[in-house]
Structure formats: structure tokens, C-alpha cells
Amino acid sequence: MAKSIKIRAKIKGDETTVKCLMTHPMETGLRKDKKTGKAIPAHFINEVVAEAGGKTVMTAYWSGGISKNPYLSFAFTGAAKGDEVKISWTDNQGGSDSETAQIK
């Protein structure tokens, strides 16, 4: 899959703020195709994991109620400038992607 995650991570004091944008259709399964009238199958990210320094710093469990191309922002402590943050997602159809960014 093409890179579907854009990450920015900045440290200020001892708190690191991570902002990421994920490209994903996030279909709820409740909409119908306008041309065929058939339901569009559910297709959404159901788990997002953030790791820094080999430790999981955030796990989010989502459902179909999240908007298309979701934006996620969170903060954590314990990282240092130059460390890497890894964001991974998996969806309900078995798709997945991950991306790494350096903390600035």
C-alpha cells in the first residue's frame, strides 16, 4: 500500500506532541452506492498503535464512526529529540500500514 500516514512529532519540555493524518476511506457500511443502490461494504481503521523507543505509547480502537482520512493528535512523555515515533494502523478488511517519523 502506498504511504497513507503523514506524521509530525515535536518535543517541548518533556512532552512530545504527535500529529498524524491517515488516508483511508473509513466507510461505515451504512451508505449505498448512488448508481447501483447496493450497500457499500464497511471499510474502516479499527486499531491505531503508536510506538516510541520500542514502547507502545498509545493504542486506539476505532469503529465506523470516524471520518474519512482521519486526523489524530496525542501527547506523551519520556521521549527525546531525535527518537523515532512509529504509527501503525490495521483495518477491518485486513489492510495495514505504518510510518515512522523522527521527533524534532
Foldseek 3Di string as FASTA:
>chain_A
DPDFKDWAWEDDDQKIKIKMWGADQLAQQPDADPVPRHTDHGKHWQWKWKDWPNHTPDIDGDHSPAHGRHMDMDMDGDHDFQTKMKMKIAMPVGDIDMDIDGYD
